Amino acid sequence: MVLTVDSAHGGENWLARNDFVSDDVKAVWKDCGVYHEWGKLRAVLLHHPGSEIEGINDPSKVLWTEVLDPARAREQHDSLAAFYRSVGVEVNYMHLDDDTPAKPNLYFVRDLFTMTPFGAVVSRPASHVRAGEEVIAAGTLSRLKVPIIHSAYGSAYLEGPDILLVNEDLAMVGYGLRTNERGADFAVGLLKEMGYGEVVKVQTTYGCGHLDGVVSILDRDLALLYPTRVSYVVYETLKRHGFRTLDLPDQHEAERGMAINLVPVEPGCVLMPANNPKTLALLQRAGCTCFEIDVSELMKGGGAVHCMTGVLKRDL
């Protein structure tokens, strides 16, 4: 009796895959990926606020600072999407199934996942009121054919803005209120596996939501810091990697204006919340091109431009 092995079990005509997930992008998955925060922005994921932002009587119960005017909030969100389209950025929106309704904070898409060079890492939000938003994010990413390489699990809490991809050699992970130490350790391990040479774990301070609230990368060698809240390890590490650092110049703009909550559109070019003249002047003196946008109504939810923008693709 002659035994043969068919192709499905390694016999003739079996052809093995000898590449990486990153090689599958475009061929199998959506063209996506982020190596660092400052590469040219190509594609984003947003959520247009719907009926879920109406009828909120106690804003603190949904983590807001004030009640939103729904019509004005939607107009401002439309302007945000229009700006991205005007500079050639592909705009995608969250997909909602009938059995998974939106929650009031869903428009803060950045909280729900982090795009890496190899695909998305789905968050596990720390607050009870946001539990389940990660399901909507994961479903949308799947529909868009974005590879989901991992998600936080077990006792880990992890939110996207606590992961900062500085450059190909350096990443930072914040832990505190929104990302616990278990979640931070999980993210550090993933980033090291991806090849980031140095991954620094940074404890965020009391009163700080995420790491992106104290440091923002503007260009390949330029960062904006919140000097009274940022950990010294952030400053020291950035300097060691050749970064210039700028300090937010005004307490009111830092707190009420959310001036650091901005998005690099390309190296040295940022989209920032309007009405922060001192920060605007500082960035312009440093050589940055700045676009301003009024998101003041949306900011009553506790976040600004960076929080609302889920990044799907940046150039290397």
C-alpha atoms as a PDB file:
ATOM      1  CA  MET A   1       0.000   0.000   0.000  1.00  0.00           C
ATOM      2  CA  VAL A   2       1.355   3.426  -0.995  1.00  0.00           C
ATOM      3  CA  LEU A   3       0.627   6.329   1.304  1.00  0.00           C
ATOM      4  CA  THR A   4       0.560   9.847  -0.091  1.00  0.00           C
ATOM      5  CA  VAL A   5       0.215  13.189   1.628  1.00  0.00           C
ATOM      6  CA  ASP A   6      -2.155  15.659   0.054  1.00  0.00           C
ATOM      7  CA  SER A   7      -1.383  19.355  -0.370  1.00  0.00           C
ATOM      8  CA  ALA A   8      -3.473  20.394   2.638  1.00  0.00           C
ATOM      9  CA  HIS A   9      -1.146  18.382   4.878  1.00  0.00           C
ATOM     10  CA  GLY A  10       2.162  19.440   3.335  1.00  0.00           C
ATOM     11  CA  GLY A  11       2.315  17.289   0.202  1.00  0.00           C
ATOM     12  CA  GLU A  12       2.720  18.311  -3.411  1.00  0.00           C
ATOM     13  CA  ASN A  13       1.448  21.821  -4.203  1.00  0.00           C
ATOM     14  CA  TRP A  14       1.645  22.975  -0.582  1.00  0.00           C
ATOM     15  CA  LEU A  15       3.014  26.518  -0.669  1.00  0.00           C
ATOM     16  CA  ALA A  16       3.993  28.053   2.661  1.00  0.00           C
ATOM     17  CA  ARG A  17       3.687  31.710   3.565  1.00  0.00           C
ATOM     18  CA  ASN A  18       7.118  33.078   4.453  1.00  0.00           C
ATOM     19  CA  ASP A  19       6.270  36.724   5.056  1.00  0.00           C
ATOM     20  CA  PHE A  20       5.030  38.969   7.871  1.00  0.00           C
ATOM     21  CA  VAL A  21       1.645  40.516   8.593  1.00  0.00           C
ATOM     22  CA  SER A  22       3.054  43.853   7.451  1.00  0.00           C
ATOM     23  CA  ASP A  23       3.686  42.266   4.052  1.00  0.00           C
ATOM     24  CA  ASP A  24      -0.017  41.380   3.830  1.00  0.00           C
ATOM     25  CA  VAL A  25      -1.117  44.990   4.065  1.00  0.00           C
ATOM     26  CA  LYS A  26      -2.711  46.052   0.758  1.00  0.00           C
ATOM     27  CA  ALA A  27      -2.692  42.443  -0.487  1.00  0.00           C
ATOM     28  CA  VAL A  28      -4.926  40.963   2.228  1.00  0.00           C
ATOM     29  CA  TRP A  29      -5.721  43.714   4.734  1.00  0.00           C
ATOM     30  CA  LYS A  30      -6.512  47.403   4.436  1.00  0.00           C
ATOM     31  CA  ASP A  31      -3.525  49.640   3.756  1.00  0.00           C
ATOM     32  CA  CYS A  32      -2.891  50.758   7.316  1.00  0.00           C
ATOM     33  CA  GLY A  33      -0.203  51.080   9.963  1.00  0.00           C
ATOM     34  CA  VAL A  34       1.589  53.608  12.162  1.00  0.00           C
ATOM     35  CA  TYR A  35       5.270  53.591  13.126  1.00  0.00           C
ATOM     36  CA  HIS A  36       5.301  56.994  14.827  1.00  0.00           C
ATOM     37  CA  GLU A  37       3.026  59.894  15.717  1.00  0.00           C
ATOM     38  CA  TRP A  38       4.393  62.421  13.229  1.00  0.00           C
ATOM     39  CA  GLY A  39       4.313  60.701   9.815  1.00  0.00           C
ATOM     40  CA  LYS A  40       2.028  62.137   7.137  1.00  0.00           C
ATOM     41  CA  LEU A  41      -1.560  61.322   8.049  1.00  0.00           C
ATOM     42  CA  ARG A  42      -3.373  59.188   5.471  1.00  0.00           C
ATOM     43  CA  ALA A  43      -6.490  57.628   7.044  1.00  0.00           C
ATOM     44  CA  VAL A  44      -8.545  58.146  10.199  1.00  0.00           C
ATOM     45  CA  LEU A  45     -11.524  56.607  11.990  1.00  0.00           C
ATOM     46  CA  LEU A  46     -14.126  58.949  13.501  1.00  0.00           C
ATOM     47  CA  HIS A  47     -17.544  58.663  15.124  1.00  0.00           C
ATOM     48  CA  HIS A  48     -20.163  61.272  14.253  1.00  0.00           C
ATOM     49  CA  PRO A  49     -22.105  61.977  17.483  1.00  0.00           C
ATOM     50  CA  GLY A  50     -25.681  60.750  17.287  1.00  0.00           C
ATOM     51  CA  SER A  51     -28.651  60.555  19.637  1.00  0.00           C
ATOM     52  CA  GLU A  52     -26.410  59.184  22.393  1.00  0.00           C
ATOM     53  CA  ILE A  53     -25.241  62.741  23.241  1.00  0.00           C
ATOM     54  CA  GLU A  54     -28.812  63.942  23.825  1.00  0.00           C
ATOM     55  CA  GLY A  55     -30.733  63.924  27.085  1.00  0.00           C
ATOM     56  CA  ILE A  56     -27.658  64.042  29.337  1.00  0.00           C
ATOM     57  CA  ASN A  57     -28.714  65.767  32.574  1.00  0.00           C
ATOM     58  CA  ASP A  58     -25.692  65.016  34.763  1.00  0.00           C
ATOM     59  CA  PRO A  59     -22.535  65.372  32.647  1.00  0.00           C
ATOM     60  CA  SER A  60     -20.259  63.966  35.344  1.00  0.00           C
ATOM     61  CA  LYS A  61     -21.994  60.587  35.127  1.00  0.00           C
ATOM     62  CA  VAL A  62     -20.766  60.224  31.541  1.00  0.00           C
ATOM     63  CA  LEU A  63     -17.320  61.730  32.286  1.00  0.00           C
ATOM     64  CA  TRP A  64     -18.173  65.093  30.693  1.00  0.00           C
ATOM     65  CA  THR A  65     -17.446  68.496  32.216  1.00  0.00           C
ATOM     66  CA  GLU A  66     -20.551  70.181  30.769  1.00  0.00           C
ATOM     67  CA  VAL A  67     -23.710  69.288  28.859  1.00  0.00           C
ATOM     68  CA  LEU A  68     -23.182  69.463  25.082  1.00  0.00           C
ATOM     69  CA  ASP A  69     -25.367  71.304  22.597  1.00  0.00           C
ATOM     70  CA  PRO A  70     -25.944  68.342  20.234  1.00  0.00           C
ATOM     71  CA  ALA A  71     -26.513  70.392  17.076  1.00  0.00           C
ATOM     72  CA  ARG A  72     -23.416  72.515  17.595  1.00  0.00           C
ATOM     73  CA  ALA A  73     -21.336  69.472  18.519  1.00  0.00           C
ATOM     74  CA  ARG A  74     -22.333  67.728  15.287  1.00  0.00           C
ATOM     75  CA  GLU A  75     -21.553  70.817  13.216  1.00  0.00           C
ATOM     76  CA  GLN A  76     -18.085  70.996  14.737  1.00  0.00           C
ATOM     77  CA  HIS A  77     -17.514  67.299  14.142  1.00  0.00           C
ATOM     78  CA  ASP A  78     -18.525  67.730  10.505  1.00  0.00           C
ATOM     79  CA  SER A  79     -15.932  70.508  10.250  1.00  0.00           C
ATOM     80  CA  LEU A  80     -13.279  68.200  11.694  1.00  0.00           C
ATOM     81  CA  ALA A  81     -14.023  65.550   9.073  1.00  0.00           C
ATOM     82  CA  ALA A  82     -14.117  68.186   6.334  1.00  0.00           C
ATOM     83  CA  PHE A  83     -10.673  69.448   7.330  1.00  0.00           C
ATOM     84  CA  TYR A  84      -9.188  65.960   7.137  1.00  0.00           C
ATOM     85  CA  ARG A  85     -10.687  65.428   3.691  1.00  0.00           C
ATOM     86  CA  SER A  86      -9.385  68.834   2.548  1.00  0.00           C
ATOM     87  CA  VAL A  87      -5.791  67.733   3.200  1.00  0.00           C
ATOM     88  CA  GLY A  88      -6.238  64.367   1.498  1.00  0.00           C
ATOM     89  CA  VAL A  89      -6.941  62.195   4.544  1.00  0.00           C
ATOM     90  CA  GLU A  90      -9.333  59.263   4.104  1.00  0.00           C
ATOM     91  CA  VAL A  91     -12.162  59.544   6.660  1.00  0.00           C
ATOM     92  CA  ASN A  92     -13.882  56.392   7.926  1.00  0.00           C
ATOM     93  CA  TYR A  93     -16.693  56.160  10.477  1.00  0.00           C
ATOM     94  CA  MET A  94     -17.618  53.774  13.257  1.00  0.00           C
ATOM     95  CA  HIS A  95     -20.145  51.110  12.281  1.00  0.00           C
ATOM     96  CA  LEU A  96     -23.004  50.544  14.713  1.00  0.00           C
ATOM     97  CA  ASP A  97     -25.033  47.341  14.865  1.00  0.00           C
ATOM     98  CA  ASP A  98     -28.629  47.526  16.072  1.00  0.00           C
ATOM     99  CA  ASP A  99     -27.790  45.436  19.139  1.00  0.00           C
ATOM    100  CA  THR A 100     -24.765  47.562  20.138  1.00  0.00           C
ATOM    101  CA  PRO A 101     -25.916  51.165  20.579  1.00  0.00           C
ATOM    102  CA  ALA A 102     -23.494  54.059  20.815  1.00  0.00           C
ATOM    103  CA  LYS A 103     -22.493  55.541  24.156  1.00  0.00           C
ATOM    104  CA  PRO A 104     -21.958  59.265  24.885  1.00  0.00           C
ATOM    105  CA  ASN A 105     -18.137  59.094  24.744  1.00  0.00           C
ATOM    106  CA  LEU A 106     -17.863  57.063  21.560  1.00  0.00           C
ATOM    107  CA  TYR A 107     -16.723  60.087  19.568  1.00  0.00           C
ATOM    108  CA  PHE A 108     -13.432  59.893  21.479  1.00  0.00           C
ATOM    109  CA  VAL A 109     -12.270  57.184  19.092  1.00  0.00           C
ATOM    110  CA  ARG A 110      -8.566  57.441  19.939  1.00  0.00           C
ATOM    111  CA  ASP A 111      -9.281  55.916  23.340  1.00  0.00           C
ATOM    112  CA  LEU A 112     -10.490  52.659  21.818  1.00  0.00           C
ATOM    113  CA  PHE A 113      -7.510  51.370  19.858  1.00  0.00           C
ATOM    114  CA  THR A 114      -3.892  52.013  18.945  1.00  0.00           C
ATOM    115  CA  MET A 115      -2.616  51.501  15.422  1.00  0.00           C
ATOM    116  CA  THR A 116       0.863  49.973  15.248  1.00  0.00           C
ATOM    117  CA  PRO A 117       3.127  48.981  12.345  1.00  0.00           C
ATOM    118  CA  PHE A 118       1.431  45.567  12.237  1.00  0.00           C
ATOM    119  CA  GLY A 119      -2.194  46.349  13.036  1.00  0.00           C
ATOM    120  CA  ALA A 120      -4.531  47.563  15.757  1.00  0.00           C
ATOM    121  CA  VAL A 121      -4.389  46.898  19.489  1.00  0.00           C
ATOM    122  CA  VAL A 122      -7.927  47.163  20.870  1.00  0.00           C
ATOM    123  CA  SER A 123      -8.354  48.905  24.217  1.00  0.00           C
ATOM    124  CA  ARG A 124     -10.250  47.912  27.330  1.00  0.00           C
ATOM    125  CA  PRO A 125     -11.570  51.183  28.820  1.00  0.00           C
ATOM    126  CA  ALA A 126     -11.150  51.637  32.557  1.00  0.00           C
ATOM    127  CA  SER A 127     -14.458  53.366  33.318  1.00  0.00           C
ATOM    128  CA  HIS A 128     -17.704  51.449  33.706  1.00  0.00           C
ATOM    129  CA  VAL A 129     -19.630  53.962  31.619  1.00  0.00           C
ATOM    130  CA  ARG A 130     -17.457  53.214  28.577  1.00  0.00           C
ATOM    131  CA  ALA A 131     -17.524  49.423  28.844  1.00  0.00           C
ATOM    132  CA  GLY A 132     -18.566  47.958  25.503  1.00  0.00           C
ATOM    133  CA  GLU A 133     -17.232  50.717  23.275  1.00  0.00           C
ATOM    134  CA  GLU A 134     -14.310  48.450  22.430  1.00  0.00           C
ATOM    135  CA  VAL A 135     -16.814  46.023  20.842  1.00  0.00           C
ATOM    136  CA  ILE A 136     -17.909  48.716  18.401  1.00  0.00           C
ATOM    137  CA  ALA A 137     -14.300  49.629  17.637  1.00  0.00           C
ATOM    138  CA  ALA A 138     -13.291  46.003  17.050  1.00  0.00           C
ATOM    139  CA  GLY A 139     -16.289  45.392  14.809  1.00  0.00           C
ATOM    140  CA  THR A 140     -15.574  48.477  12.752  1.00  0.00           C
ATOM    141  CA  LEU A 141     -11.895  47.669  12.360  1.00  0.00           C
ATOM    142  CA  SER A 142     -12.832  44.176  11.183  1.00  0.00           C
ATOM    143  CA  ARG A 143     -15.297  45.568   8.640  1.00  0.00           C
ATOM    144  CA  LEU A 144     -12.576  47.883   7.355  1.00  0.00           C
ATOM    145  CA  LYS A 145     -10.195  44.893   7.045  1.00  0.00           C
ATOM    146  CA  VAL A 146      -7.783  46.388   9.552  1.00  0.00           C
ATOM    147  CA  PRO A 147      -5.798  43.579  11.237  1.00  0.00           C
ATOM    148  CA  ILE A 148      -6.435  43.348  14.976  1.00  0.00           C
ATOM    149  CA  ILE A 149      -3.241  41.928  16.401  1.00  0.00           C
ATOM    150  CA  HIS A 150      -4.269  41.911  20.044  1.00  0.00           C
ATOM    151  CA  SER A 151      -6.650  43.288  22.643  1.00  0.00           C
ATOM    152  CA  ALA A 152      -6.298  43.926  26.347  1.00  0.00           C
ATOM    153  CA  TYR A 153      -7.527  41.016  28.457  1.00  0.00           C
ATOM    154  CA  GLY A 154      -7.675  39.611  31.968  1.00  0.00           C
ATOM    155  CA  SER A 155      -7.312  42.322  34.599  1.00  0.00           C
ATOM    156  CA  ALA A 156      -5.716  44.767  32.156  1.00  0.00           C
ATOM    157  CA  TYR A 157      -7.197  48.172  31.439  1.00  0.00           C
ATOM    158  CA  LEU A 158      -5.654  49.899  28.453  1.00  0.00           C
ATOM    159  CA  GLU A 159      -6.643  53.035  26.547  1.00  0.00           C
ATOM    160  CA  GLY A 160      -5.103  54.171  23.274  1.00  0.00           C
ATOM    161  CA  PRO A 161      -3.799  57.633  24.232  1.00  0.00           C
ATOM    162  CA  ASP A 162      -1.539  56.036  26.840  1.00  0.00           C
ATOM    163  CA  ILE A 163       0.550  54.515  24.019  1.00  0.00           C
ATOM    164  CA  LEU A 164       2.939  56.954  22.358  1.00  0.00           C
ATOM    165  CA  LEU A 165       4.940  55.829  19.314  1.00  0.00           C
ATOM    166  CA  VAL A 166       7.764  58.366  19.275  1.00  0.00           C
ATOM    167  CA  ASN A 167       9.895  56.932  16.477  1.00  0.00           C
ATOM    168  CA  GLU A 168      11.059  53.536  15.191  1.00  0.00           C
ATOM    169  CA  ASP A 169      13.392  53.179  18.189  1.00  0.00           C
ATOM    170  CA  LEU A 170      11.283  54.601  21.017  1.00  0.00           C
ATOM    171  CA  ALA A 171       7.787  54.161  22.439  1.00  0.00           C
ATOM    172  CA  MET A 172       6.231  55.207  25.733  1.00  0.00           C
ATOM    173  CA  VAL A 173       3.350  53.697  27.684  1.00  0.00           C
ATOM    174  CA  GLY A 174       1.528  55.602  30.397  1.00  0.00           C
ATOM    175  CA  TYR A 175      -0.235  54.024  33.355  1.00  0.00           C
ATOM    176  CA  GLY A 176      -2.448  55.535  36.007  1.00  0.00           C
ATOM    177  CA  LEU A 177      -6.185  56.298  35.954  1.00  0.00           C
ATOM    178  CA  ARG A 178      -7.083  54.994  32.485  1.00  0.00           C
ATOM    179  CA  THR A 179      -4.422  52.338  31.912  1.00  0.00           C
ATOM    180  CA  ASN A 180      -3.475  50.195  34.880  1.00  0.00           C
ATOM    181  CA  GLU A 181      -0.032  48.690  35.390  1.00  0.00           C
ATOM    182  CA  ARG A 182      -1.173  45.319  34.052  1.00  0.00           C
ATOM    183  CA  GLY A 183      -2.342  47.011  30.856  1.00  0.00           C
ATOM    184  CA  ALA A 184       0.883  48.983  30.579  1.00  0.00           C
ATOM    185  CA  ASP A 185       3.023  45.859  30.993  1.00  0.00           C
ATOM    186  CA  PHE A 186       0.941  44.154  28.313  1.00  0.00           C
ATOM    187  CA  ALA A 187       1.508  47.055  25.901  1.00  0.00           C
ATOM    188  CA  VAL A 188       5.231  47.256  26.695  1.00  0.00           C
ATOM    189  CA  GLY A 189       5.649  43.575  25.838  1.00  0.00           C
ATOM    190  CA  LEU A 190       3.821  43.970  22.524  1.00  0.00           C
ATOM    191  CA  LEU A 191       5.849  46.993  21.477  1.00  0.00           C
ATOM    192  CA  LYS A 192       9.125  45.267  22.290  1.00  0.00           C
ATOM    193  CA  GLU A 193       8.072  42.295  20.171  1.00  0.00           C
ATOM    194  CA  MET A 194       7.400  44.731  17.321  1.00  0.00           C
ATOM    195  CA  GLY A 195      10.993  45.910  17.428  1.00  0.00           C
ATOM    196  CA  TYR A 196      10.873  49.201  19.308  1.00  0.00           C
ATOM    197  CA  GLY A 197      14.334  49.370  20.813  1.00  0.00           C
ATOM    198  CA  GLU A 198      13.315  51.255  23.937  1.00  0.00           C
ATOM    199  CA  VAL A 199       9.862  51.164  25.511  1.00  0.00           C
ATOM    200  CA  VAL A 200       9.515  53.394  28.561  1.00  0.00           C
ATOM    201  CA  LYS A 201       6.739  52.944  31.104  1.00  0.00           C
ATOM    202  CA  VAL A 202       5.584  56.272  32.533  1.00  0.00           C
ATOM    203  CA  GLN A 203       3.312  56.826  35.522  1.00  0.00           C
ATOM    204  CA  THR A 204       0.774  59.576  34.848  1.00  0.00           C
ATOM    205  CA  THR A 205      -0.092  62.097  37.552  1.00  0.00           C
ATOM    206  CA  TYR A 206      -3.247  62.726  39.569  1.00  0.00           C
ATOM    207  CA  GLY A 207      -5.707  64.757  37.510  1.00  0.00           C
ATOM    208  CA  CYS A 208      -4.250  63.503  34.215  1.00  0.00           C
ATOM    209  CA  GLY A 209      -6.335  61.295  31.966  1.00  0.00           C
ATOM    210  CA  HIS A 210      -3.797  59.962  29.487  1.00  0.00           C
ATOM    211  CA  LEU A 211      -0.164  60.275  28.493  1.00  0.00           C
ATOM    212  CA  ASP A 212      -1.218  62.333  25.451  1.00  0.00           C
ATOM    213  CA  GLY A 213      -2.356  65.007  27.908  1.00  0.00           C
ATOM    214  CA  VAL A 214       1.223  65.719  28.956  1.00  0.00           C
ATOM    215  CA  VAL A 215       3.314  65.065  25.842  1.00  0.00           C
ATOM    216  CA  SER A 216       2.624  65.465  22.128  1.00  0.00           C
ATOM    217  CA  ILE A 217       5.059  64.599  19.344  1.00  0.00           C
ATOM    218  CA  LEU A 218       5.020  67.284  16.648  1.00  0.00           C
ATOM    219  CA  ASP A 219       7.865  66.232  14.363  1.00  0.00           C
ATOM    220  CA  ARG A 220      10.726  63.758  14.131  1.00  0.00           C
ATOM    221  CA  ASP A 221      12.705  65.795  16.686  1.00  0.00           C
ATOM    222  CA  LEU A 222      10.169  68.113  18.350  1.00  0.00           C
ATOM    223  CA  ALA A 223       7.770  67.546  21.254  1.00  0.00           C
ATOM    224  CA  LEU A 224       5.331  69.680  23.240  1.00  0.00           C
ATOM    225  CA  LEU A 225       5.194  69.081  27.013  1.00  0.00           C
ATOM    226  CA  TYR A 226       2.901  70.034  29.888  1.00  0.00           C
ATOM    227  CA  PRO A 227       5.762  70.973  32.236  1.00  0.00           C
ATOM    228  CA  THR A 228       3.955  70.775  35.580  1.00  0.00           C
ATOM    229  CA  ARG A 229       2.456  67.346  34.874  1.00  0.00           C
ATOM    230  CA  VAL A 230       4.929  65.488  32.701  1.00  0.00           C
ATOM    231  CA  SER A 231       7.226  62.954  34.315  1.00  0.00           C
ATOM    232  CA  TYR A 232      10.928  63.794  34.226  1.00  0.00           C
ATOM    233  CA  VAL A 233      11.561  60.422  32.572  1.00  0.00           C
ATOM    234  CA  VAL A 234       9.657  61.669  29.507  1.00  0.00           C
ATOM    235  CA  TYR A 235      11.781  64.805  29.269  1.00  0.00           C
ATOM    236  CA  GLU A 236      15.053  62.950  29.841  1.00  0.00           C
ATOM    237  CA  THR A 237      14.240  60.192  27.370  1.00  0.00           C
ATOM    238  CA  LEU A 238      13.206  62.590  24.615  1.00  0.00           C
ATOM    239  CA  LYS A 239      16.372  64.623  25.087  1.00  0.00           C
ATOM    240  CA  ARG A 240      18.466  61.474  24.924  1.00  0.00           C
ATOM    241  CA  HIS A 241      16.833  60.638  21.588  1.00  0.00           C
ATOM    242  CA  GLY A 242      17.689  64.056  20.163  1.00  0.00           C
ATOM    243  CA  PHE A 243      14.362  65.830  20.651  1.00  0.00           C
ATOM    244  CA  ARG A 244      13.824  69.511  21.196  1.00  0.00           C
ATOM    245  CA  THR A 245      11.074  70.144  23.724  1.00  0.00           C
ATOM    246  CA  LEU A 246       8.621  73.012  24.074  1.00  0.00           C
ATOM    247  CA  ASP A 247       6.720  73.768  27.278  1.00  0.00           C
ATOM    248  CA  LEU A 248       3.069  74.794  27.147  1.00  0.00           C
ATOM    249  CA  PRO A 249       3.205  78.537  27.826  1.00  0.00           C
ATOM    250  CA  ASP A 250      -0.123  79.148  29.563  1.00  0.00           C
ATOM    251  CA  GLN A 251      -2.047  77.339  32.319  1.00  0.00           C
ATOM    252  CA  HIS A 252      -5.470  78.349  30.998  1.00  0.00           C
ATOM    253  CA  GLU A 253      -4.648  77.120  27.501  1.00  0.00           C
ATOM    254  CA  ALA A 254      -3.255  73.907  28.937  1.00  0.00           C
ATOM    255  CA  GLU A 255      -6.323  73.176  31.050  1.00  0.00           C
ATOM    256  CA  ARG A 256      -9.351  74.809  29.463  1.00  0.00           C
ATOM    257  CA  GLY A 257      -8.015  75.149  25.928  1.00  0.00           C
ATOM    258  CA  MET A 258      -6.618  71.602  25.724  1.00  0.00           C
ATOM    259  CA  ALA A 259      -3.814  73.072  23.604  1.00  0.00           C
ATOM    260  CA  ILE A 260      -1.712  69.908  23.734  1.00  0.00           C
ATOM    261  CA  ASN A 261      -4.594  67.800  22.395  1.00  0.00           C
ATOM    262  CA  LEU A 262      -3.569  68.162  18.760  1.00  0.00           C
ATOM    263  CA  VAL A 263      -2.924  65.927  15.757  1.00  0.00           C
ATOM    264  CA  PRO A 264       0.146  66.074  13.495  1.00  0.00           C
ATOM    265  CA  VAL A 265      -1.040  66.135   9.884  1.00  0.00           C
ATOM    266  CA  GLU A 266       2.490  65.713   8.592  1.00  0.00           C
ATOM    267  CA  PRO A 267       5.937  66.349  10.104  1.00  0.00           C
ATOM    268  CA  GLY A 268       5.934  69.808  11.673  1.00  0.00           C
ATOM    269  CA  CYS A 269       2.326  70.517  10.679  1.00  0.00           C
ATOM    270  CA  VAL A 270      -0.489  70.167  13.218  1.00  0.00           C
ATOM    271  CA  LEU A 271      -4.234  70.526  13.632  1.00  0.00           C
ATOM    272  CA  MET A 272      -4.952  72.092  17.024  1.00  0.00           C
ATOM    273  CA  PRO A 273      -7.947  73.362  19.007  1.00  0.00           C
ATOM    274  CA  ALA A 274      -8.708  77.024  18.279  1.00  0.00           C
ATOM    275  CA  ASN A 275      -8.460  79.828  20.851  1.00  0.00           C
ATOM    276  CA  ASN A 276      -4.976  78.990  22.148  1.00  0.00           C
ATOM    277  CA  PRO A 277      -3.018  82.021  20.885  1.00  0.00           C
ATOM    278  CA  LYS A 278       0.019  81.657  23.139  1.00  0.00           C
ATOM    279  CA  THR A 279       0.532  78.009  22.233  1.00  0.00           C
ATOM    280  CA  LEU A 280      -0.068  78.808  18.570  1.00  0.00           C
ATOM    281  CA  ALA A 281       2.629  81.493  18.646  1.00  0.00           C
ATOM    282  CA  LEU A 282       5.046  79.133  20.429  1.00  0.00           C
ATOM    283  CA  LEU A 283       4.601  76.409  17.826  1.00  0.00           C
ATOM    284  CA  GLN A 284       4.937  78.846  14.942  1.00  0.00           C
ATOM    285  CA  ARG A 285       8.183  80.248  16.387  1.00  0.00           C
ATOM    286  CA  ALA A 286       9.459  76.666  16.532  1.00  0.00           C
ATOM    287  CA  GLY A 287       8.804  76.313  12.792  1.00  0.00           C
ATOM    288  CA  CYS A 288       5.478  74.446  12.884  1.00  0.00           C
ATOM    289  CA  THR A 289       2.638  75.024  10.460  1.00  0.00           C
ATOM    290  CA  CYS A 290      -0.586  75.156  12.472  1.00  0.00           C
ATOM    291  CA  PHE A 291      -4.220  74.757  11.482  1.00  0.00           C
ATOM    292  CA  GLU A 292      -6.846  75.715  14.049  1.00  0.00           C
ATOM    293  CA  ILE A 293     -10.327  74.267  14.397  1.00  0.00           C
ATOM    294  CA  ASP A 294     -13.164  75.150  16.755  1.00  0.00           C
ATOM    295  CA  VAL A 295     -14.120  72.041  18.710  1.00  0.00           C
ATOM    296  CA  SER A 296     -15.133  73.922  21.862  1.00  0.00           C
ATOM    297  CA  GLU A 297     -18.540  72.250  22.138  1.00  0.00           C
ATOM    298  CA  LEU A 298     -17.105  68.772  21.698  1.00  0.00           C
ATOM    299  CA  MET A 299     -14.427  69.586  24.277  1.00  0.00           C
ATOM    300  CA  LYS A 300     -17.132  69.687  26.953  1.00  0.00           C
ATOM    301  CA  GLY A 301     -16.913  65.906  26.773  1.00  0.00           C
ATOM    302  CA  GLY A 302     -13.379  66.077  28.157  1.00  0.00           C
ATOM    303  CA  GLY A 303     -11.208  65.781  25.037  1.00  0.00           C
ATOM    304  CA  ALA A 304     -10.206  67.598  21.861  1.00  0.00           C
ATOM    305  CA  VAL A 305      -8.802  66.892  18.401  1.00  0.00           C
ATOM    306  CA  HIS A 306      -6.397  64.099  19.345  1.00  0.00           C
ATOM    307  CA  CYS A 307      -8.979  62.264  21.441  1.00  0.00           C
ATOM    308  CA  MET A 308     -11.505  62.314  18.587  1.00  0.00           C
ATOM    309  CA  THR A 309      -9.140  60.996  15.936  1.00  0.00           C
ATOM    310  CA  GLY A 310      -8.469  57.295  15.586  1.00  0.00           C
ATOM    311  CA  VAL A 311      -5.435  57.065  13.305  1.00  0.00           C
ATOM    312  CA  LEU A 312      -5.437  54.187  10.800  1.00  0.00           C
ATOM    313  CA  LYS A 313      -2.453  55.078   8.625  1.00  0.00           C
ATOM    314  CA  ARG A 314       0.560  57.341   8.595  1.00  0.00           C
ATOM    315  CA  ASP A 315       3.508  57.349   6.204  1.00  0.00           C
ATOM    316  CA  LEU A 316       6.784  55.916   7.447  1.00  0.00           C
END
